[in-house]
Amino acid sequence: MQKVKLTPKQQRFVEEYLVDLNATQSEIGAGYSYKKCKRIRK
């Protein structure tokens, strides 16, 4: 199995997602912009 290296932001997203299983909140908690998250989800 090949290991994939994550950026610090991606790692933070994974950690946030495991808390509440909410992708949008995890993106925001990881530092992605709220506007970008909202645009991607539409």
Protein backbone atom coordinates (compact mmCIF):
# COMPACT_ATOMS: atom_id res chain seq x y z
CA MET A 1 0.00 0.00 0.00
CA GLN A 2 1.36 3.40 -0.99
CA LYS A 3 1.28 6.14 1.65
CA VAL A 4 -0.05 9.52 0.60
CA LYS A 5 1.44 12.63 2.17
CA LEU A 6 -1.11 15.22 3.24
CA THR A 7 -0.52 18.91 3.58
CA PRO A 8 -1.00 20.32 7.08
CA LYS A 9 -4.35 21.81 5.96
CA GLN A 10 -5.52 18.46 4.59
CA GLN A 11 -4.47 16.71 7.80
CA ARG A 12 -6.39 19.28 9.86
CA PHE A 13 -9.47 18.68 7.66
CA VAL A 14 -9.31 14.94 8.38
CA GLU A 15 -8.99 15.58 12.11
CA GLU A 16 -11.94 18.00 12.07
CA TYR A 17 -14.06 15.63 9.96
CA LEU A 18 -13.57 12.76 12.39
CA VAL A 19 -15.05 14.90 15.18
CA ASP A 20 -18.51 15.52 13.70
CA LEU A 21 -18.56 14.03 10.17
CA ASN A 22 -19.54 17.41 8.70
CA ALA A 23 -17.49 18.27 5.61
CA THR A 24 -18.41 21.95 5.48
CA GLN A 25 -17.56 22.57 9.13
CA SER A 26 -14.37 20.56 8.70
CA GLU A 27 -13.29 22.69 5.74
CA ILE A 28 -13.87 25.85 7.74
CA GLY A 29 -12.12 24.42 10.79
CA ALA A 30 -9.15 23.45 8.64
CA GLY A 31 -8.81 27.01 7.38
CA TYR A 32 -10.46 26.90 3.98
CA SER A 33 -12.44 30.04 3.19
CA TYR A 34 -16.16 29.96 3.98
CA LYS A 35 -17.05 31.45 0.58
CA LYS A 36 -15.01 28.81 -1.23
CA CYS A 37 -16.62 26.01 0.79
CA LYS A 38 -20.08 27.33 0.05
CA ARG A 39 -19.32 27.69 -3.68
CA ILE A 40 -17.96 24.14 -3.93
CA ARG A 41 -21.02 22.64 -2.21
CA LYS A 42 -23.54 24.12 -4.67
